[in-house]
Amino acid sequence: MQGFSTYLKLYPKGEMADLAQYYLGEANYAAKQWEAAAKEYAKVLDRYPKSDVTAASRLKYALSLLNLKSDTYRAEAKRYLESIQDDFPKTPEAAAASKLLRQHFGEQP
């Protein structure tokens, strides 16, 4: 995490800044720090909306929110899962989003 944070401090608009931000989210996610992970994925979505990791960031953001097990975040998680299907329909993330929508919200394709 330190390396990614350092890179972002030194090169906030660097060529790999979106990936560094994403991997900060991944590190927090792996540590089951759901709120911190969600914040890092949200930064990817906010700062780098055209990134190659946008679909993955949306998916992991929604998963982080679901892992917080709070009704407050469920609706937002659902919106993000649906947005993956709408904006990235033929990706592995869309398939994963569809599965999560069925599991957590009872939605059918």
PDB file of N, CA and C in Angstrom:
ATOM      1  N   MET A   1       0.822  -1.187   0.000  1.00  0.00           N
ATOM      2  CA  MET A   1       0.000   0.000   0.000  1.00  0.00           C
ATOM      3  C   MET A   1       0.867   1.251   0.000  1.00  0.00           C
ATOM      4  N   GLN A   2       1.966   1.172   0.702  1.00  0.00           N
ATOM      5  CA  GLN A   2       2.856   2.330   0.808  1.00  0.00           C
ATOM      6  C   GLN A   2       3.358   2.765  -0.569  1.00  0.00           C
ATOM      7  N   GLY A   3       3.747   1.804  -1.372  1.00  0.00           N
ATOM      8  CA  GLY A   3       4.261   2.127  -2.703  1.00  0.00           C
ATOM      9  C   GLY A   3       3.222   2.808  -3.581  1.00  0.00           C
ATOM     10  N   PHE A   4       2.004   2.313  -3.546  1.00  0.00           N
ATOM     11  CA  PHE A   4       0.934   2.921  -4.339  1.00  0.00           C
ATOM     12  C   PHE A   4       0.626   4.332  -3.842  1.00  0.00           C
ATOM     13  N   SER A   5       0.590   4.495  -2.532  1.00  0.00           N
ATOM     14  CA  SER A   5       0.337   5.826  -1.954  1.00  0.00           C
ATOM     15  C   SER A   5       1.437   6.805  -2.333  1.00  0.00           C
ATOM     16  N   THR A   6       2.669   6.347  -2.260  1.00  0.00           N
ATOM     17  CA  THR A   6       3.803   7.198  -2.615  1.00  0.00           C
ATOM     18  C   THR A   6       3.733   7.595  -4.087  1.00  0.00           C
ATOM     19  N   TYR A   7       3.439   6.633  -4.940  1.00  0.00           N
ATOM     20  CA  TYR A   7       3.322   6.936  -6.367  1.00  0.00           C
ATOM     21  C   TYR A   7       2.265   8.016  -6.599  1.00  0.00           C
ATOM     22  N   LEU A   8       1.112   7.877  -5.946  1.00  0.00           N
ATOM     23  CA  LEU A   8       0.028   8.845  -6.141  1.00  0.00           C
ATOM     24  C   LEU A   8       0.397  10.223  -5.612  1.00  0.00           C
ATOM     25  N   LYS A   9       1.188  10.281  -4.552  1.00  0.00           N
ATOM     26  CA  LYS A   9       1.635  11.580  -4.036  1.00  0.00           C
ATOM     27  C   LYS A   9       2.615  12.238  -5.003  1.00  0.00           C
ATOM     28  N   LEU A  10       3.517  11.438  -5.540  1.00  0.00           N
ATOM     29  CA  LEU A  10       4.526  11.976  -6.444  1.00  0.00           C
ATOM     30  C   LEU A  10       3.989  12.243  -7.855  1.00  0.00           C
ATOM     31  N   TYR A  11       3.094  11.385  -8.301  1.00  0.00           N
ATOM     32  CA  TYR A  11       2.594  11.470  -9.687  1.00  0.00           C
ATOM     33  C   TYR A  11       1.067  11.348  -9.722  1.00  0.00           C
ATOM     34  N   PRO A  12       0.341  12.309  -9.165  1.00  0.00           N
ATOM     35  CA  PRO A  12      -1.118  12.193  -9.108  1.00  0.00           C
ATOM     36  C   PRO A  12      -1.788  12.103 -10.480  1.00  0.00           C
ATOM     37  N   LYS A  13      -1.113  12.586 -11.507  1.00  0.00           N
ATOM     38  CA  LYS A  13      -1.645  12.481 -12.861  1.00  0.00           C
ATOM     39  C   LYS A  13      -0.762  11.577 -13.724  1.00  0.00           C
ATOM     40  N   GLY A  14       0.002  10.740 -13.061  1.00  0.00           N
ATOM     41  CA  GLY A  14       0.910   9.843 -13.764  1.00  0.00           C
ATOM     42  C   GLY A  14       0.179   8.820 -14.615  1.00  0.00           C
ATOM     43  N   GLU A  15       0.924   8.226 -15.513  1.00  0.00           N
ATOM     44  CA  GLU A  15       0.368   7.261 -16.458  1.00  0.00           C
ATOM     45  C   GLU A  15      -0.287   6.070 -15.758  1.00  0.00           C
ATOM     46  N   MET A  16       0.203   5.732 -14.579  1.00  0.00           N
ATOM     47  CA  MET A  16      -0.302   4.566 -13.852  1.00  0.00           C
ATOM     48  C   MET A  16      -1.102   4.950 -12.611  1.00  0.00           C
ATOM     49  N   ALA A  17      -1.502   6.208 -12.506  1.00  0.00           N
ATOM     50  CA  ALA A  17      -2.200   6.671 -11.303  1.00  0.00           C
ATOM     51  C   ALA A  17      -3.514   5.919 -11.085  1.00  0.00           C
ATOM     52  N   ASP A  18      -4.242   5.661 -12.153  1.00  0.00           N
ATOM     53  CA  ASP A  18      -5.501   4.936 -11.994  1.00  0.00           C
ATOM     54  C   ASP A  18      -5.278   3.537 -11.436  1.00  0.00           C
ATOM     55  N   LEU A  19      -4.235   2.886 -11.921  1.00  0.00           N
ATOM     56  CA  LEU A  19      -3.929   1.537 -11.427  1.00  0.00           C
ATOM     57  C   LEU A  19      -3.450   1.565  -9.980  1.00  0.00           C
ATOM     58  N   ALA A  20      -2.640   2.553  -9.641  1.00  0.00           N
ATOM     59  CA  ALA A  20      -2.177   2.673  -8.257  1.00  0.00           C
ATOM     60  C   ALA A  20      -3.373   2.867  -7.328  1.00  0.00           C
ATOM     61  N   GLN A  21      -4.310   3.701  -7.735  1.00  0.00           N
ATOM     62  CA  GLN A  21      -5.508   3.941  -6.925  1.00  0.00           C
ATOM     63  C   GLN A  21      -6.328   2.663  -6.805  1.00  0.00           C
ATOM     64  N   TYR A  22      -6.492   1.958  -7.909  1.00  0.00           N
ATOM     65  CA  TYR A  22      -7.238   0.697  -7.909  1.00  0.00           C
ATOM     66  C   TYR A  22      -6.587  -0.320  -6.982  1.00  0.00           C
ATOM     67  N   TYR A  23      -5.265  -0.438  -7.066  1.00  0.00           N
ATOM     68  CA  TYR A  23      -4.589  -1.432  -6.236  1.00  0.00           C
ATOM     69  C   TYR A  23      -4.568  -1.055  -4.761  1.00  0.00           C
ATOM     70  N   LEU A  24      -4.716   0.213  -4.452  1.00  0.00           N
ATOM     71  CA  LEU A  24      -4.932   0.597  -3.047  1.00  0.00           C
ATOM     72  C   LEU A  24      -6.274   0.027  -2.582  1.00  0.00           C
ATOM     73  N   GLY A  25      -7.268   0.115  -3.441  1.00  0.00           N
ATOM     74  CA  GLY A  25      -8.560  -0.492  -3.132  1.00  0.00           C
ATOM     75  C   GLY A  25      -8.441  -1.990  -2.965  1.00  0.00           C
ATOM     76  N   GLU A  26      -7.701  -2.622  -3.856  1.00  0.00           N
ATOM     77  CA  GLU A  26      -7.517  -4.072  -3.785  1.00  0.00           C
ATOM     78  C   GLU A  26      -6.822  -4.497  -2.481  1.00  0.00           C
ATOM     79  N   ALA A  27      -5.820  -3.726  -2.078  1.00  0.00           N
ATOM     80  CA  ALA A  27      -5.105  -4.045  -0.839  1.00  0.00           C
ATOM     81  C   ALA A  27      -6.041  -3.940   0.370  1.00  0.00           C
ATOM     82  N   ASN A  28      -6.835  -2.898   0.394  1.00  0.00           N
ATOM     83  CA  ASN A  28      -7.803  -2.744   1.483  1.00  0.00           C
ATOM     84  C   ASN A  28      -8.873  -3.831   1.428  1.00  0.00           C
ATOM     85  N   TYR A  29      -9.295  -4.180   0.226  1.00  0.00           N
ATOM     86  CA  TYR A  29     -10.301  -5.230   0.062  1.00  0.00           C
ATOM     87  C   TYR A  29      -9.759  -6.564   0.576  1.00  0.00           C
ATOM     88  N   ALA A  30      -8.523  -6.876   0.202  1.00  0.00           N
ATOM     89  CA  ALA A  30      -7.899  -8.132   0.651  1.00  0.00           C
ATOM     90  C   ALA A  30      -7.772  -8.179   2.168  1.00  0.00           C
ATOM     91  N   ALA A  31      -7.588  -7.016   2.787  1.00  0.00           N
ATOM     92  CA  ALA A  31      -7.485  -6.930   4.247  1.00  0.00           C
ATOM     93  C   ALA A  31      -8.864  -6.846   4.910  1.00  0.00           C
ATOM     94  N   LYS A  32      -9.923  -6.959   4.095  1.00  0.00           N
ATOM     95  CA  LYS A  32     -11.305  -6.884   4.575  1.00  0.00           C
ATOM     96  C   LYS A  32     -11.613  -5.558   5.268  1.00  0.00           C
ATOM     97  N   GLN A  33     -10.952  -4.531   4.788  1.00  0.00           N
ATOM     98  CA  GLN A  33     -11.224  -3.166   5.257  1.00  0.00           C
ATOM     99  C   GLN A  33     -12.184  -2.551   4.245  1.00  0.00           C
ATOM    100  N   TRP A  34     -13.456  -2.945   4.374  1.00  0.00           N
ATOM    101  CA  TRP A  34     -14.456  -2.653   3.354  1.00  0.00           C
ATOM    102  C   TRP A  34     -14.665  -1.165   3.124  1.00  0.00           C
ATOM    103  N   GLU A  35     -14.734  -0.384   4.186  1.00  0.00           N
ATOM    104  CA  GLU A  35     -14.973   1.048   4.019  1.00  0.00           C
ATOM    105  C   GLU A  35     -13.800   1.725   3.323  1.00  0.00           C
ATOM    106  N   ALA A  36     -12.587   1.384   3.738  1.00  0.00           N
ATOM    107  CA  ALA A  36     -11.391   1.955   3.107  1.00  0.00           C
ATOM    108  C   ALA A  36     -11.308   1.521   1.642  1.00  0.00           C
ATOM    109  N   ALA A  37     -11.627   0.264   1.372  1.00  0.00           N
ATOM    110  CA  ALA A  37     -11.612  -0.229  -0.009  1.00  0.00           C
ATOM    111  C   ALA A  37     -12.617   0.547  -0.853  1.00  0.00           C
ATOM    112  N   ALA A  38     -13.829   0.706  -0.336  1.00  0.00           N
ATOM    113  CA  ALA A  38     -14.859   1.437  -1.080  1.00  0.00           C
ATOM    114  C   ALA A  38     -14.391   2.848  -1.413  1.00  0.00           C
ATOM    115  N   LYS A  39     -13.736   3.501  -0.470  1.00  0.00           N
ATOM    116  CA  LYS A  39     -13.252   4.866  -0.705  1.00  0.00           C
ATOM    117  C   LYS A  39     -12.214   4.900  -1.818  1.00  0.00           C
ATOM    118  N   GLU A  40     -11.321   3.924  -1.844  1.00  0.00           N
ATOM    119  CA  GLU A  40     -10.284   3.891  -2.887  1.00  0.00           C
ATOM    120  C   GLU A  40     -10.886   3.608  -4.260  1.00  0.00           C
ATOM    121  N   TYR A  41     -11.826   2.667  -4.325  1.00  0.00           N
ATOM    122  CA  TYR A  41     -12.482   2.397  -5.614  1.00  0.00           C
ATOM    123  C   TYR A  41     -13.274   3.613  -6.077  1.00  0.00           C
ATOM    124  N   ALA A  42     -13.920   4.304  -5.142  1.00  0.00           N
ATOM    125  CA  ALA A  42     -14.673   5.512  -5.491  1.00  0.00           C
ATOM    126  C   ALA A  42     -13.753   6.580  -6.067  1.00  0.00           C
ATOM    127  N   LYS A  43     -12.535   6.668  -5.560  1.00  0.00           N
ATOM    128  CA  LYS A  43     -11.567   7.631  -6.099  1.00  0.00           C
ATOM    129  C   LYS A  43     -11.217   7.294  -7.538  1.00  0.00           C
ATOM    130  N   VAL A  44     -11.087   6.008  -7.843  1.00  0.00           N
ATOM    131  CA  VAL A  44     -10.819   5.607  -9.232  1.00  0.00           C
ATOM    132  C   VAL A  44     -11.965   6.101 -10.111  1.00  0.00           C
ATOM    133  N   LEU A  45     -13.177   5.850  -9.683  1.00  0.00           N
ATOM    134  CA  LEU A  45     -14.355   6.212 -10.476  1.00  0.00           C
ATOM    135  C   LEU A  45     -14.490   7.718 -10.638  1.00  0.00           C
ATOM    136  N   ASP A  46     -14.128   8.453  -9.612  1.00  0.00           N
ATOM    137  CA  ASP A  46     -14.231   9.905  -9.647  1.00  0.00           C
ATOM    138  C   ASP A  46     -13.112  10.543 -10.456  1.00  0.00           C
ATOM    139  N   ARG A  47     -11.885  10.118 -10.216  1.00  0.00           N
ATOM    140  CA  ARG A  47     -10.715  10.763 -10.824  1.00  0.00           C
ATOM    141  C   ARG A  47     -10.347  10.230 -12.203  1.00  0.00           C
ATOM    142  N   TYR A  48     -10.676   8.971 -12.464  1.00  0.00           N
ATOM    143  CA  TYR A  48     -10.255   8.335 -13.720  1.00  0.00           C
ATOM    144  C   TYR A  48     -11.441   7.617 -14.377  1.00  0.00           C
ATOM    145  N   PRO A  49     -12.495   8.338 -14.742  1.00  0.00           N
ATOM    146  CA  PRO A  49     -13.715   7.687 -15.244  1.00  0.00           C
ATOM    147  C   PRO A  49     -13.540   6.906 -16.542  1.00  0.00           C
ATOM    148  N   LYS A  50     -12.494   7.184 -17.285  1.00  0.00           N
ATOM    149  CA  LYS A  50     -12.263   6.482 -18.557  1.00  0.00           C
ATOM    150  C   LYS A  50     -11.181   5.407 -18.439  1.00  0.00           C
ATOM    151  N   SER A  51     -10.835   5.050 -17.225  1.00  0.00           N
ATOM    152  CA  SER A  51      -9.779   4.069 -16.980  1.00  0.00           C
ATOM    153  C   SER A  51     -10.167   2.676 -17.478  1.00  0.00           C
ATOM    154  N   ASP A  52      -9.156   1.890 -17.766  1.00  0.00           N
ATOM    155  CA  ASP A  52      -9.377   0.490 -18.130  1.00  0.00           C
ATOM    156  C   ASP A  52      -9.904  -0.322 -16.944  1.00  0.00           C
ATOM    157  N   VAL A  53      -9.765   0.206 -15.738  1.00  0.00           N
ATOM    158  CA  VAL A  53     -10.238  -0.520 -14.553  1.00  0.00           C
ATOM    159  C   VAL A  53     -11.565   0.036 -14.016  1.00  0.00           C
ATOM    160  N   THR A  54     -12.276   0.794 -14.836  1.00  0.00           N
ATOM    161  CA  THR A  54     -13.556   1.362 -14.394  1.00  0.00           C
ATOM    162  C   THR A  54     -14.570   0.270 -14.059  1.00  0.00           C
ATOM    163  N   ALA A  55     -14.761  -0.688 -14.943  1.00  0.00           N
ATOM    164  CA  ALA A  55     -15.743  -1.750 -14.679  1.00  0.00           C
ATOM    165  C   ALA A  55     -15.364  -2.536 -13.427  1.00  0.00           C
ATOM    166  N   ALA A  56     -14.087  -2.876 -13.300  1.00  0.00           N
ATOM    167  CA  ALA A  56     -13.626  -3.614 -12.120  1.00  0.00           C
ATOM    168  C   ALA A  56     -13.784  -2.773 -10.855  1.00  0.00           C
ATOM    169  N   SER A  57     -13.535  -1.490 -10.961  1.00  0.00           N
ATOM    170  CA  SER A  57     -13.687  -0.603  -9.797  1.00  0.00           C
ATOM    171  C   SER A  57     -15.148  -0.506  -9.373  1.00  0.00           C
ATOM    172  N   ARG A  58     -16.047  -0.425 -10.335  1.00  0.00           N
ATOM    173  CA  ARG A  58     -17.471  -0.390  -9.995  1.00  0.00           C
ATOM    174  C   ARG A  58     -17.893  -1.676  -9.283  1.00  0.00           C
ATOM    175  N   LEU A  59     -17.426  -2.795  -9.818  1.00  0.00           N
ATOM    176  CA  LEU A  59     -17.773  -4.078  -9.221  1.00  0.00           C
ATOM    177  C   LEU A  59     -17.240  -4.181  -7.790  1.00  0.00           C
ATOM    178  N   LYS A  60     -15.977  -3.861  -7.609  1.00  0.00           N
ATOM    179  CA  LYS A  60     -15.382  -3.981  -6.279  1.00  0.00           C
ATOM    180  C   LYS A  60     -15.939  -2.930  -5.316  1.00  0.00           C
ATOM    181  N   TYR A  61     -16.320  -1.763  -5.825  1.00  0.00           N
ATOM    182  CA  TYR A  61     -16.974  -0.757  -4.992  1.00  0.00           C
ATOM    183  C   TYR A  61     -18.291  -1.324  -4.469  1.00  0.00           C
ATOM    184  N   ALA A  62     -19.080  -1.893  -5.372  1.00  0.00           N
ATOM    185  CA  ALA A  62     -20.365  -2.484  -4.970  1.00  0.00           C
ATOM    186  C   ALA A  62     -20.155  -3.633  -3.984  1.00  0.00           C
ATOM    187  N   LEU A  63     -19.175  -4.477  -4.234  1.00  0.00           N
ATOM    188  CA  LEU A  63     -18.887  -5.583  -3.308  1.00  0.00           C
ATOM    189  C   LEU A  63     -18.464  -5.070  -1.938  1.00  0.00           C
ATOM    190  N   SER A  64     -17.662  -4.027  -1.926  1.00  0.00           N
ATOM    191  CA  SER A  64     -17.244  -3.431  -0.653  1.00  0.00           C
ATOM    192  C   SER A  64     -18.453  -2.932   0.118  1.00  0.00           C
ATOM    193  N   LEU A  65     -19.371  -2.265  -0.582  1.00  0.00           N
ATOM    194  CA  LEU A  65     -20.584  -1.774   0.071  1.00  0.00           C
ATOM    195  C   LEU A  65     -21.429  -2.926   0.601  1.00  0.00           C
ATOM    196  N   LEU A  66     -21.559  -3.983  -0.190  1.00  0.00           N
ATOM    197  CA  LEU A  66     -22.335  -5.141   0.266  1.00  0.00           C
ATOM    198  C   LEU A  66     -21.689  -5.788   1.494  1.00  0.00           C
ATOM    199  N   ASN A  67     -20.369  -5.822   1.526  1.00  0.00           N
ATOM    200  CA  ASN A  67     -19.673  -6.411   2.668  1.00  0.00           C
ATOM    201  C   ASN A  67     -19.826  -5.593   3.943  1.00  0.00           C
ATOM    202  N   LEU A  68     -20.181  -4.331   3.810  1.00  0.00           N
ATOM    203  CA  LEU A  68     -20.424  -3.514   4.998  1.00  0.00           C
ATOM    204  C   LEU A  68     -21.723  -3.930   5.697  1.00  0.00           C
ATOM    205  N   LYS A  69     -22.547  -4.712   4.983  1.00  0.00           N
ATOM    206  CA  LYS A  69     -23.784  -5.265   5.535  1.00  0.00           C
ATOM    207  C   LYS A  69     -24.673  -4.196   6.168  1.00  0.00           C
ATOM    208  N   SER A  70     -24.864  -3.133   5.436  1.00  0.00           N
ATOM    209  CA  SER A  70     -25.689  -2.033   5.905  1.00  0.00           C
ATOM    210  C   SER A  70     -26.772  -1.739   4.868  1.00  0.00           C
ATOM    211  N   ASP A  71     -27.998  -1.649   5.337  1.00  0.00           N
ATOM    212  CA  ASP A  71     -29.090  -1.319   4.419  1.00  0.00           C
ATOM    213  C   ASP A  71     -28.865   0.031   3.753  1.00  0.00           C
ATOM    214  N   THR A  72     -28.144   0.899   4.424  1.00  0.00           N
ATOM    215  CA  THR A  72     -27.857   2.223   3.887  1.00  0.00           C
ATOM    216  C   THR A  72     -27.110   2.127   2.560  1.00  0.00           C
ATOM    217  N   TYR A  73     -26.224   1.142   2.435  1.00  0.00           N
ATOM    218  CA  TYR A  73     -25.380   1.030   1.243  1.00  0.00           C
ATOM    219  C   TYR A  73     -25.931   0.072   0.192  1.00  0.00           C
ATOM    220  N   ARG A  74     -26.945  -0.709   0.527  1.00  0.00           N
ATOM    221  CA  ARG A  74     -27.469  -1.710  -0.415  1.00  0.00           C
ATOM    222  C   ARG A  74     -27.969  -1.080  -1.719  1.00  0.00           C
ATOM    223  N   ALA A  75     -28.724  -0.009  -1.618  1.00  0.00           N
ATOM    224  CA  ALA A  75     -29.287   0.617  -2.818  1.00  0.00           C
ATOM    225  C   ALA A  75     -28.182   1.145  -3.728  1.00  0.00           C
ATOM    226  N   GLU A  76     -27.157   1.723  -3.139  1.00  0.00           N
ATOM    227  CA  GLU A  76     -26.049   2.227  -3.954  1.00  0.00           C
ATOM    228  C   GLU A  76     -25.300   1.073  -4.608  1.00  0.00           C
ATOM    229  N   ALA A  77     -25.081   0.001  -3.863  1.00  0.00           N
ATOM    230  CA  ALA A  77     -24.415  -1.177  -4.433  1.00  0.00           C
ATOM    231  C   ALA A  77     -25.214  -1.693  -5.621  1.00  0.00           C
ATOM    232  N   LYS A  78     -26.522  -1.755  -5.470  1.00  0.00           N
ATOM    233  CA  LYS A  78     -27.382  -2.239  -6.561  1.00  0.00           C
ATOM    234  C   LYS A  78     -27.264  -1.340  -7.793  1.00  0.00           C
ATOM    235  N   ARG A  79     -27.286  -0.037  -7.584  1.00  0.00           N
ATOM    236  CA  ARG A  79     -27.151   0.900  -8.713  1.00  0.00           C
ATOM    237  C   ARG A  79     -25.834   0.681  -9.460  1.00  0.00           C
ATOM    238  N   TYR A  80     -24.765   0.474  -8.716  1.00  0.00           N
ATOM    239  CA  TYR A  80     -23.473   0.278  -9.369  1.00  0.00           C
ATOM    240  C   TYR A  80     -23.413  -1.054 -10.109  1.00  0.00           C
ATOM    241  N   LEU A  81     -23.995  -2.094  -9.534  1.00  0.00           N
ATOM    242  CA  LEU A  81     -24.022  -3.380 -10.232  1.00  0.00           C
ATOM    243  C   LEU A  81     -24.826  -3.267 -11.526  1.00  0.00           C
ATOM    244  N   GLU A  82     -25.955  -2.579 -11.474  1.00  0.00           N
ATOM    245  CA  GLU A  82     -26.766  -2.394 -12.679  1.00  0.00           C
ATOM    246  C   GLU A  82     -26.028  -1.548 -13.714  1.00  0.00           C
ATOM    247  N   SER A  83     -25.268  -0.567 -13.251  1.00  0.00           N
ATOM    248  CA  SER A  83     -24.546   0.293 -14.194  1.00  0.00           C
ATOM    249  C   SER A  83     -23.473  -0.476 -14.955  1.00  0.00           C
ATOM    250  N   ILE A  84     -22.913  -1.494 -14.334  1.00  0.00           N
ATOM    251  CA  ILE A  84     -21.906  -2.311 -15.020  1.00  0.00           C
ATOM    252  C   ILE A  84     -22.562  -3.029 -16.188  1.00  0.00           C
ATOM    253  N   GLN A  85     -23.733  -3.593 -15.946  1.00  0.00           N
ATOM    254  CA  GLN A  85     -24.449  -4.294 -17.013  1.00  0.00           C
ATOM    255  C   GLN A  85     -24.825  -3.341 -18.142  1.00  0.00           C
ATOM    256  N   ASP A  86     -25.201  -2.120 -17.782  1.00  0.00           N
ATOM    257  CA  ASP A  86     -25.598  -1.137 -18.793  1.00  0.00           C
ATOM    258  C   ASP A  86     -24.412  -0.620 -19.608  1.00  0.00           C
ATOM    259  N   ASP A  87     -23.314  -0.299 -18.923  1.00  0.00           N
ATOM    260  CA  ASP A  87     -22.180   0.361 -19.571  1.00  0.00           C
ATOM    261  C   ASP A  87     -21.103  -0.587 -20.101  1.00  0.00           C
ATOM    262  N   PHE A  88     -21.031  -1.786 -19.534  1.00  0.00           N
ATOM    263  CA  PHE A  88     -20.001  -2.761 -19.929  1.00  0.00           C
ATOM    264  C   PHE A  88     -20.636  -4.139 -20.113  1.00  0.00           C
ATOM    265  N   PRO A  89     -21.638  -4.273 -20.995  1.00  0.00           N
ATOM    266  CA  PRO A  89     -22.463  -5.482 -21.048  1.00  0.00           C
ATOM    267  C   PRO A  89     -21.752  -6.788 -21.392  1.00  0.00           C
ATOM    268  N   LYS A  90     -20.677  -6.742 -22.114  1.00  0.00           N
ATOM    269  CA  LYS A  90     -20.039  -7.980 -22.569  1.00  0.00           C
ATOM    270  C   LYS A  90     -18.741  -8.287 -21.818  1.00  0.00           C
ATOM    271  N   THR A  91     -18.643  -7.799 -20.600  1.00  0.00           N
ATOM    272  CA  THR A  91     -17.417  -8.000 -19.825  1.00  0.00           C
ATOM    273  C   THR A  91     -17.620  -9.051 -18.736  1.00  0.00           C
ATOM    274  N   PRO A  92     -16.529  -9.607 -18.236  1.00  0.00           N
ATOM    275  CA  PRO A  92     -16.637 -10.521 -17.088  1.00  0.00           C
ATOM    276  C   PRO A  92     -17.258  -9.826 -15.866  1.00  0.00           C
ATOM    277  N   GLU A  93     -17.013  -8.522 -15.747  1.00  0.00           N
ATOM    278  CA  GLU A  93     -17.590  -7.774 -14.624  1.00  0.00           C
ATOM    279  C   GLU A  93     -19.118  -7.724 -14.723  1.00  0.00           C
ATOM    280  N   ALA A  94     -19.640  -7.629 -15.946  1.00  0.00           N
ATOM    281  CA  ALA A  94     -21.094  -7.620 -16.136  1.00  0.00           C
ATOM    282  C   ALA A  94     -21.696  -8.966 -15.731  1.00  0.00           C
ATOM    283  N   ALA A  95     -21.008 -10.046 -16.080  1.00  0.00           N
ATOM    284  CA  ALA A  95     -21.479 -11.376 -15.678  1.00  0.00           C
ATOM    285  C   ALA A  95     -21.461 -11.507 -14.157  1.00  0.00           C
ATOM    286  N   ALA A  96     -20.401 -11.024 -13.531  1.00  0.00           N
ATOM    287  CA  ALA A  96     -20.307 -11.076 -12.069  1.00  0.00           C
ATOM    288  C   ALA A  96     -21.381 -10.198 -11.432  1.00  0.00           C
ATOM    289  N   ALA A  97     -21.638  -9.036 -12.021  1.00  0.00           N
ATOM    290  CA  ALA A  97     -22.666  -8.132 -11.499  1.00  0.00           C
ATOM    291  C   ALA A  97     -24.036  -8.794 -11.584  1.00  0.00           C
ATOM    292  N   SER A  98     -24.305  -9.467 -12.683  1.00  0.00           N
ATOM    293  CA  SER A  98     -25.579 -10.162 -12.858  1.00  0.00           C
ATOM    294  C   SER A  98     -25.762 -11.228 -11.782  1.00  0.00           C
ATOM    295  N   LYS A  99     -24.715 -11.975 -11.526  1.00  0.00           N
ATOM    296  CA  LYS A  99     -24.765 -13.017 -10.493  1.00  0.00           C
ATOM    297  C   LYS A  99     -25.006 -12.399  -9.113  1.00  0.00           C
ATOM    298  N   LEU A 100     -24.332 -11.302  -8.825  1.00  0.00           N
ATOM    299  CA  LEU A 100     -24.508 -10.637  -7.530  1.00  0.00           C
ATOM    300  C   LEU A 100     -25.905 -10.045  -7.383  1.00  0.00           C
ATOM    301  N   LEU A 101     -26.445  -9.514  -8.473  1.00  0.00           N
ATOM    302  CA  LEU A 101     -27.811  -8.989  -8.421  1.00  0.00           C
ATOM    303  C   LEU A 101     -28.804 -10.103  -8.106  1.00  0.00           C
ATOM    304  N   ARG A 102     -28.593 -11.271  -8.686  1.00  0.00           N
ATOM    305  CA  ARG A 102     -29.460 -12.432  -8.390  1.00  0.00           C
ATOM    306  C   ARG A 102     -29.298 -12.852  -6.930  1.00  0.00           C
ATOM    307  N   GLN A 103     -28.064 -12.956  -6.468  1.00  0.00           N
ATOM    308  CA  GLN A 103     -27.792 -13.439  -5.105  1.00  0.00           C
ATOM    309  C   GLN A 103     -28.308 -12.477  -4.039  1.00  0.00           C
ATOM    310  N   HIS A 104     -28.049 -11.200  -4.206  1.00  0.00           N
ATOM    311  CA  HIS A 104     -28.329 -10.227  -3.159  1.00  0.00           C
ATOM    312  C   HIS A 104     -29.669  -9.515  -3.301  1.00  0.00           C
ATOM    313  N   PHE A 105     -30.202  -9.492  -4.520  1.00  0.00           N
ATOM    314  CA  PHE A 105     -31.412  -8.713  -4.751  1.00  0.00           C
ATOM    315  C   PHE A 105     -32.520  -9.511  -5.433  1.00  0.00           C
ATOM    316  N   GLY A 106     -32.237 -10.774  -5.733  1.00  0.00           N
ATOM    317  CA  GLY A 106     -33.246 -11.639  -6.334  1.00  0.00           C
ATOM    318  C   GLY A 106     -33.634 -11.264  -7.747  1.00  0.00           C
ATOM    319  N   GLU A 107     -32.762 -10.540  -8.436  1.00  0.00           N
ATOM    320  CA  GLU A 107     -33.069 -10.104  -9.806  1.00  0.00           C
ATOM    321  C   GLU A 107     -32.693 -11.177 -10.811  1.00  0.00           C
ATOM    322  N   GLN A 108     -33.537 -11.306 -11.806  1.00  0.00           N
ATOM    323  CA  GLN A 108     -33.293 -12.243 -12.891  1.00  0.00           C
ATOM    324  C   GLN A 108     -32.767 -11.481 -14.101  1.00  0.00           C
ATOM    325  N   PRO A 109     -31.943 -12.123 -14.911  1.00  0.00           N
ATOM    326  CA  PRO A 109     -31.405 -11.453 -16.107  1.00  0.00           C
ATOM    327  C   PRO A 109     -32.466 -11.057 -17.098  1.00  0.00           C
TER     328      PRO A 109
END
